[in-house]
Amino acid sequence: MVSLNFCTLFNSAYLSRGLALYHSLVCCCPRFHLYVYAFDDTTYSYLNSQNFKHLTVISLKEFEDEQLLRIKPTRTAGEYCWTCSSSTILYSIEKFRLSNCTYIDADMYFYSNPSVLIEEMGNKSVLITEHRYTAAYDQSAVSGKYCVQFMCFKNTDEGMKVLRWWRNACIDWCYGRVEDGKFGDQKYLDSWTQQFEGVHELQHLGGGLAPWNMQQYNFSKKEKKIYGTEISTGKNFEVVFFHFHGLKLFSDNIVSLTGQTYKMNPSALDVFFKPYVNELISTSENIHSQTKHTFDANGANTASPEKPLNFLSLLRFYIYDIRQSLQNINGKKTGLRKKHHHYFKIKEII
């Protein structure tokens, strides 16, 4: 069995997520190695002290080259992370002489062996994954058709050509705004299947599940495995990973699962979100017991801007909506608020 190589990047505010990601791979992937690019000294020191069997931690001092350091002051922290995604893959392949490397976002979690996704590439050299937006949330025009969440590059002429082109493009321009058909590091991917040879678009529905597309599926757990069913076609598939984009924990023990953009999928709440939050909390507590609470491994540094809904808060919303327009007397607008309000007390969700 071929060993899979992954790379990711995060700082101490995402440390619990990064460790949850690592442990999910340990459970699902018999042979793998994860290269973590530590975006602050706290993350580097902690991971370096743990001696995880399948993990290598790389500091910014080791990783950043002249080109990255030159443009770093021109980017926000988030934009710089986007800028560096392609560079982490390139550095991993070249530094550690890898035959392949797959970039994965730190806020993902694996439920079955990702080798099935890599194998789908066949003889192709690059793998990209669609957002597969639910129609109501389609942001392709702004954010792009594809998501920089799970991208595999082989160390071939085809693969390295695409990777170096992407790296150079991100050095030149990578910002959190729409400009000339670009957005961050992501819109660049839209043209790859026409622009380059050897690019494969992932077809497996179990790879790429996220808040923006979960409404299209029903999920169930059977014998420790999670399965999905596409509602429109009845197609069944085994879940490989879920991307917990937008999940945020707050200092007043409240968690926002997806922000207020996406409608919650009740089956996803049970099989994905609740267990994941529980793991983040337990992982964070373990980290803090070792580090004496010198930082928050969940990034919970501010109080929640919203509170969990209850009867009184819904009533207040309903009265407010009616005052805005009598057309809201049917409660439809208040109902929409409820569907998109995913703030919970942590003790109630774990």
Protein backbone atom coordinates (compact mmCIF):
# COMPACT_ATOMS: atom_id res chain seq x y z
CA MET A 1 0.00 0.00 0.00
CA VAL A 2 1.35 3.41 -1.02
CA SER A 3 1.98 5.90 1.80
CA LEU A 4 0.03 9.13 1.48
CA ASN A 5 1.67 12.49 2.13
CA PHE A 6 -0.35 15.44 3.40
CA CYS A 7 0.49 19.00 4.32
CA THR A 8 -1.46 21.68 6.15
CA LEU A 9 -0.87 24.99 7.91
CA PHE A 10 -2.29 26.58 11.04
CA ASN A 11 -1.45 28.64 14.13
CA SER A 12 -2.22 28.07 17.82
CA ALA A 13 -5.83 29.27 17.47
CA TYR A 14 -6.40 26.23 15.24
CA LEU A 15 -4.24 23.79 17.22
CA SER A 16 -7.15 21.68 18.48
CA ARG A 17 -8.49 21.45 14.93
CA GLY A 18 -5.10 20.49 13.57
CA LEU A 19 -4.70 17.72 16.12
CA ALA A 20 -8.25 16.48 15.49
CA LEU A 21 -7.36 16.31 11.80
CA TYR A 22 -4.18 14.37 12.56
CA HIS A 23 -5.93 11.88 14.84
CA SER A 24 -8.68 11.31 12.27
CA LEU A 25 -5.99 10.32 9.78
CA VAL A 26 -4.41 7.99 12.35
CA CYS A 27 -7.76 6.24 12.70
CA CYS A 28 -8.54 6.03 8.97
CA CYS A 29 -5.28 5.86 7.06
CA PRO A 30 -2.89 2.93 7.67
CA ARG A 31 0.10 4.63 6.03
CA PHE A 32 0.45 8.39 5.89
CA HIS A 33 2.58 11.33 6.94
CA LEU A 34 1.40 14.84 7.73
CA TYR A 35 3.66 17.87 7.28
CA VAL A 36 2.43 20.75 9.45
CA TYR A 37 3.53 24.30 8.76
CA ALA A 38 3.38 26.04 12.12
CA PHE A 39 2.32 29.64 11.68
CA ASP A 40 3.42 30.73 15.14
CA ASP A 41 6.05 29.70 17.66
CA THR A 42 3.46 28.30 20.10
CA THR A 43 2.27 25.76 17.55
CA TYR A 44 5.81 24.81 16.58
CA SER A 45 6.96 24.37 20.18
CA TYR A 46 3.96 22.28 21.17
CA LEU A 47 4.01 19.94 18.16
CA ASN A 48 7.79 19.61 18.32
CA SER A 49 7.52 18.47 21.94
CA GLN A 50 4.98 15.73 21.27
CA ASN A 51 6.90 13.43 18.90
CA PHE A 52 3.85 12.37 16.93
CA LYS A 53 4.76 9.30 14.89
CA HIS A 54 3.25 10.41 11.58
CA LEU A 55 3.84 14.16 11.80
CA THR A 56 6.67 16.52 10.90
CA VAL A 57 6.40 20.14 11.99
CA ILE A 58 8.04 22.91 9.96
CA SER A 59 8.62 26.40 11.37
CA LEU A 60 8.14 29.62 9.42
CA LYS A 61 11.87 30.23 9.75
CA GLU A 62 12.55 27.02 7.83
CA PHE A 63 9.76 27.48 5.30
CA GLU A 64 9.63 31.15 4.32
CA ASP A 65 11.83 32.09 1.37
CA GLU A 66 12.80 35.47 -0.02
CA GLN A 67 9.72 35.77 -2.23
CA LEU A 68 7.28 34.99 0.59
CA LEU A 69 9.01 37.35 3.01
CA ARG A 70 8.95 40.12 0.41
CA ILE A 71 5.16 40.02 -0.09
CA LYS A 72 4.23 39.09 3.50
CA PRO A 73 3.80 42.73 4.70
CA THR A 74 1.36 43.35 1.83
CA ARG A 75 -1.10 40.63 2.91
CA THR A 76 -3.42 40.22 5.89
CA ALA A 77 -2.86 37.16 8.08
CA GLY A 78 -5.63 35.30 6.24
CA GLU A 79 -4.40 36.36 2.83
CA TYR A 80 -0.88 35.27 3.70
CA CYS A 81 -2.14 31.81 4.67
CA TRP A 82 -3.89 31.56 1.29
CA THR A 83 -0.71 32.75 -0.41
CA CYS A 84 1.28 30.01 1.31
CA SER A 85 -0.95 27.02 0.51
CA SER A 86 0.76 26.29 -2.81
CA SER A 87 4.19 26.96 -1.32
CA THR A 88 3.68 24.39 1.45
CA ILE A 89 3.00 21.70 -1.15
CA LEU A 90 6.02 22.70 -3.21
CA TYR A 91 8.30 22.86 -0.16
CA SER A 92 7.09 19.44 1.06
CA ILE A 93 7.71 17.76 -2.29
CA GLU A 94 11.14 19.31 -2.80
CA LYS A 95 12.45 19.24 0.78
CA PHE A 96 11.32 15.73 1.64
CA ARG A 97 11.62 14.27 -1.89
CA LEU A 98 8.02 13.15 -2.06
CA SER A 99 6.41 11.44 -5.01
CA ASN A 100 3.14 13.18 -4.18
CA CYS A 101 1.63 15.58 -1.66
CA THR A 102 -1.96 16.50 -0.83
CA TYR A 103 -2.82 19.83 0.75
CA ILE A 104 -5.63 19.61 3.33
CA ASP A 105 -7.28 22.37 5.34
CA ALA A 106 -6.77 22.15 9.10
CA ASP A 107 -10.51 22.31 9.84
CA MET A 108 -11.25 19.05 8.03
CA TYR A 109 -11.89 15.65 9.58
CA PHE A 110 -11.57 12.21 7.97
CA TYR A 111 -14.06 9.38 8.44
CA SER A 112 -12.62 6.81 6.02
CA ASN A 113 -9.40 6.19 4.12
CA PRO A 114 -8.68 9.07 1.69
CA SER A 115 -6.67 6.73 -0.55
CA VAL A 116 -9.88 6.13 -2.53
CA LEU A 117 -9.82 9.80 -3.56
CA ILE A 118 -6.15 9.72 -4.59
CA GLU A 119 -6.66 6.49 -6.53
CA GLU A 120 -9.45 8.13 -8.53
CA MET A 121 -6.78 10.31 -10.19
CA GLY A 122 -5.45 7.33 -12.11
CA ASN A 123 -2.63 8.57 -14.35
CA LYS A 124 -3.51 12.25 -13.86
CA SER A 125 -1.06 14.43 -11.91
CA VAL A 126 -3.32 16.97 -10.18
CA LEU A 127 -6.54 16.47 -8.20
CA ILE A 128 -8.97 19.30 -7.44
CA THR A 129 -12.33 19.23 -5.62
CA GLU A 130 -15.50 21.13 -6.41
CA HIS A 131 -17.47 23.14 -3.87
CA ARG A 132 -20.63 21.39 -5.15
CA TYR A 133 -22.66 24.29 -3.79
CA THR A 134 -26.29 23.83 -2.87
CA ALA A 135 -28.10 26.08 -5.39
CA ALA A 136 -29.26 28.58 -2.76
CA TYR A 137 -25.66 29.15 -1.64
CA ASP A 138 -23.84 29.09 -4.97
CA GLN A 139 -20.86 31.44 -4.68
CA SER A 140 -18.95 30.11 -7.69
CA ALA A 141 -18.84 33.50 -9.39
CA VAL A 142 -16.96 34.96 -6.42
CA SER A 143 -15.19 32.06 -4.67
CA GLY A 144 -14.69 29.79 -7.65
CA LYS A 145 -15.95 26.39 -8.75
CA TYR A 146 -13.24 24.57 -6.81
CA CYS A 147 -12.23 24.64 -3.16
CA VAL A 148 -8.65 24.72 -1.90
CA GLN A 149 -9.33 22.07 0.72
CA PHE A 150 -8.07 18.76 -0.70
CA MET A 151 -5.61 19.09 -3.59
CA CYS A 152 -3.14 16.43 -4.66
CA PHE A 153 -0.04 17.04 -6.77
CA LYS A 154 2.22 14.31 -8.07
CA ASN A 155 5.92 14.95 -8.50
CA THR A 156 5.73 14.67 -12.29
CA ASP A 157 6.45 17.20 -15.01
CA GLU A 158 2.70 17.81 -15.40
CA GLY A 159 2.06 18.12 -11.68
CA MET A 160 4.99 20.39 -10.93
CA LYS A 161 4.19 22.65 -13.88
CA VAL A 162 0.73 23.35 -12.45
CA LEU A 163 2.02 23.71 -8.89
CA ARG A 164 4.77 26.16 -9.79
CA TRP A 165 2.37 28.20 -11.93
CA TRP A 166 -0.08 28.41 -8.98
CA ARG A 167 2.67 29.31 -6.52
CA ASN A 168 3.89 32.14 -8.77
CA ALA A 169 0.34 33.40 -9.34
CA CYS A 170 -0.28 33.53 -5.57
CA ILE A 171 2.97 35.39 -4.98
CA ASP A 172 1.91 37.96 -7.56
CA TRP A 173 -1.69 38.35 -6.33
CA CYS A 174 -3.62 36.72 -3.46
CA TYR A 175 -6.10 38.95 -1.67
CA GLY A 176 -9.50 38.61 0.00
CA ARG A 177 -11.31 40.55 -2.71
CA VAL A 178 -12.63 40.00 -6.22
CA GLU A 179 -10.44 41.59 -8.86
CA ASP A 180 -10.12 40.83 -12.58
CA GLY A 181 -11.65 37.38 -12.16
CA LYS A 182 -9.41 36.51 -9.21
CA PHE A 183 -10.22 35.79 -5.56
CA GLY A 184 -7.60 34.68 -3.05
CA ASP A 185 -5.75 31.54 -4.13
CA GLN A 186 -8.94 29.82 -5.24
CA LYS A 187 -10.32 31.33 -8.46
CA TYR A 188 -7.07 30.41 -10.18
CA LEU A 189 -8.26 26.80 -10.21
CA ASP A 190 -11.31 27.48 -12.39
CA SER A 191 -9.38 27.24 -15.66
CA TRP A 192 -7.00 24.39 -14.83
CA THR A 193 -8.85 21.58 -16.60
CA GLN A 194 -8.57 23.58 -19.84
CA GLN A 195 -5.26 25.31 -19.15
CA PHE A 196 -3.16 22.28 -18.16
CA GLU A 197 -2.79 18.60 -18.97
CA GLY A 198 -3.31 15.97 -16.29
CA VAL A 199 -5.83 17.72 -14.03
CA HIS A 200 -8.59 15.55 -12.55
CA GLU A 201 -11.83 16.81 -11.00
CA LEU A 202 -12.85 14.62 -8.06
CA GLN A 203 -16.10 12.71 -8.61
CA HIS A 204 -16.43 10.87 -5.27
CA LEU A 205 -19.25 12.54 -3.32
CA GLY A 206 -17.64 11.52 -0.03
CA GLY A 207 -14.79 13.96 -0.61
CA GLY A 208 -15.71 17.61 -0.26
CA LEU A 209 -18.67 17.59 2.14
CA ALA A 210 -19.11 20.97 3.80
CA PRO A 211 -21.72 23.42 5.16
CA TRP A 212 -22.34 24.84 1.68
CA ASN A 213 -23.45 21.49 0.19
CA MET A 214 -24.62 19.30 3.10
CA GLN A 215 -28.28 20.19 2.40
CA GLN A 216 -28.15 17.90 -0.65
CA TYR A 217 -27.61 14.74 1.40
CA ASN A 218 -28.92 12.56 4.20
CA PHE A 219 -26.32 11.01 6.49
CA SER A 220 -26.35 7.93 8.70
CA LYS A 221 -23.86 5.98 10.78
CA LYS A 222 -23.58 2.19 10.51
CA GLU A 223 -20.97 0.11 12.31
CA LYS A 224 -18.65 3.09 12.90
CA LYS A 225 -18.82 4.18 9.25
CA ILE A 226 -20.75 7.19 7.97
CA TYR A 227 -22.72 7.02 4.75
CA GLY A 228 -24.41 9.67 2.67
CA THR A 229 -27.32 9.54 0.26
CA GLU A 230 -27.72 12.17 -2.44
CA ILE A 231 -31.35 13.26 -2.12
CA SER A 232 -31.86 14.12 -5.80
CA THR A 233 -30.52 10.82 -7.19
CA GLY A 234 -30.65 8.34 -4.30
CA LYS A 235 -26.94 7.64 -4.85
CA ASN A 236 -25.22 6.19 -1.78
CA PHE A 237 -21.59 6.78 -0.83
CA GLU A 238 -19.20 6.41 2.09
CA VAL A 239 -18.12 9.69 3.66
CA VAL A 240 -14.38 10.36 3.41
CA PHE A 241 -14.10 13.82 4.97
CA PHE A 242 -16.14 16.79 6.15
CA HIS A 243 -14.87 20.36 6.03
CA PHE A 244 -15.94 22.30 9.15
CA HIS A 245 -15.56 25.70 7.51
CA GLY A 246 -16.97 28.56 9.60
CA LEU A 247 -17.16 26.67 12.90
CA LYS A 248 -16.11 29.00 15.73
CA LEU A 249 -15.83 28.60 19.47
CA PHE A 250 -16.21 31.57 21.82
CA SER A 251 -14.92 32.43 25.27
CA ASP A 252 -18.43 32.38 26.80
CA ASN A 253 -18.79 28.65 26.03
CA ILE A 254 -20.89 29.14 22.92
CA VAL A 255 -20.14 27.57 19.54
CA SER A 256 -21.28 28.74 16.11
CA LEU A 257 -21.42 25.74 13.81
CA THR A 258 -21.61 27.40 10.38
CA GLY A 259 -22.18 31.07 10.99
CA GLN A 260 -25.54 32.32 9.74
CA THR A 261 -25.14 31.57 6.06
CA TYR A 262 -26.18 27.94 5.66
CA LYS A 263 -29.23 25.93 6.62
CA MET A 264 -28.37 23.14 9.01
CA ASN A 265 -28.77 19.51 8.00
CA PRO A 266 -30.18 17.66 11.06
CA SER A 267 -28.41 14.41 10.18
CA ALA A 268 -25.11 16.30 9.71
CA LEU A 269 -25.62 17.92 13.11
CA ASP A 270 -25.75 14.50 14.76
CA VAL A 271 -23.05 12.59 12.87
CA PHE A 272 -20.57 15.40 12.16
CA PHE A 273 -20.93 18.57 14.21
CA LYS A 274 -21.70 17.26 17.69
CA PRO A 275 -18.89 14.66 17.76
CA TYR A 276 -16.44 17.14 16.23
CA VAL A 277 -17.13 19.87 18.79
CA ASN A 278 -16.80 17.28 21.54
CA GLU A 279 -13.39 16.24 20.18
CA LEU A 280 -12.22 19.85 19.93
CA ILE A 281 -13.16 20.47 23.55
CA SER A 282 -11.45 17.33 24.86
CA THR A 283 -8.37 17.96 22.68
CA SER A 284 -8.16 21.55 23.87
CA GLU A 285 -8.45 20.52 27.52
CA ASN A 286 -5.61 18.04 27.04
CA ILE A 287 -3.41 20.67 25.37
CA HIS A 288 -4.12 23.19 28.09
CA SER A 289 -3.33 20.70 30.86
CA GLN A 290 0.11 20.36 29.28
CA THR A 291 0.71 24.05 28.55
CA LYS A 292 -0.85 25.57 31.69
CA HIS A 293 -3.45 27.53 29.69
CA THR A 294 -1.01 30.00 28.17
CA PHE A 295 -3.17 30.23 25.03
CA ASP A 296 -6.53 28.99 23.75
CA ALA A 297 -6.14 26.03 21.39
CA ASN A 298 -9.70 26.55 20.11
CA GLY A 299 -9.14 30.20 19.27
CA ALA A 300 -11.92 31.13 21.72
CA ASN A 301 -10.70 34.63 22.49
CA THR A 302 -13.90 36.67 22.22
CA ALA A 303 -17.48 36.41 23.43
CA SER A 304 -20.14 35.26 20.98
CA PRO A 305 -21.93 38.05 19.07
CA GLU A 306 -25.13 35.98 19.19
CA LYS A 307 -26.81 33.76 21.77
CA PRO A 308 -28.56 30.42 21.33
CA LEU A 309 -32.22 30.74 20.43
CA ASN A 310 -34.98 30.10 22.95
CA PHE A 311 -38.70 30.89 23.11
CA LEU A 312 -38.19 34.46 24.31
CA SER A 313 -35.53 35.33 21.73
CA LEU A 314 -37.67 33.88 18.93
CA LEU A 315 -40.62 35.90 20.19
CA ARG A 316 -38.51 39.07 20.14
CA PHE A 317 -37.42 38.32 16.59
CA TYR A 318 -41.03 37.70 15.58
CA ILE A 319 -42.21 41.02 17.04
CA TYR A 320 -39.30 42.83 15.40
CA ASP A 321 -40.05 41.23 12.02
CA ILE A 322 -43.74 42.24 12.24
CA ARG A 323 -42.76 45.81 13.07
CA GLN A 324 -40.59 45.84 9.97
CA SER A 325 -43.50 44.64 7.81
CA LEU A 326 -46.94 43.17 8.48
CA GLN A 327 -46.18 40.70 5.70
CA ASN A 328 -44.04 38.90 8.27
CA ILE A 329 -47.04 38.08 10.45
CA ASN A 330 -47.05 34.54 9.06
CA GLY A 331 -43.72 33.95 10.83
CA LYS A 332 -41.89 32.90 7.67
CA LYS A 333 -39.03 35.36 8.15
CA THR A 334 -38.63 34.36 11.79
CA GLY A 335 -38.58 30.74 10.68
CA LEU A 336 -35.74 31.50 8.28
CA ARG A 337 -33.82 33.11 11.12
CA LYS A 338 -34.19 29.91 13.12
CA LYS A 339 -33.00 27.71 10.23
CA HIS A 340 -29.82 29.77 9.84
CA HIS A 341 -29.05 30.49 13.49
CA HIS A 342 -26.61 27.81 14.62
CA TYR A 343 -25.31 29.11 17.94
CA PHE A 344 -25.31 26.56 20.77
CA LYS A 345 -24.17 26.37 24.35
CA ILE A 346 -21.26 23.96 24.27
CA LYS A 347 -22.59 21.92 27.18
CA GLU A 348 -25.83 21.35 25.25
CA ILE A 349 -24.13 20.09 22.10
CA ILE A 350 -21.57 17.73 23.58
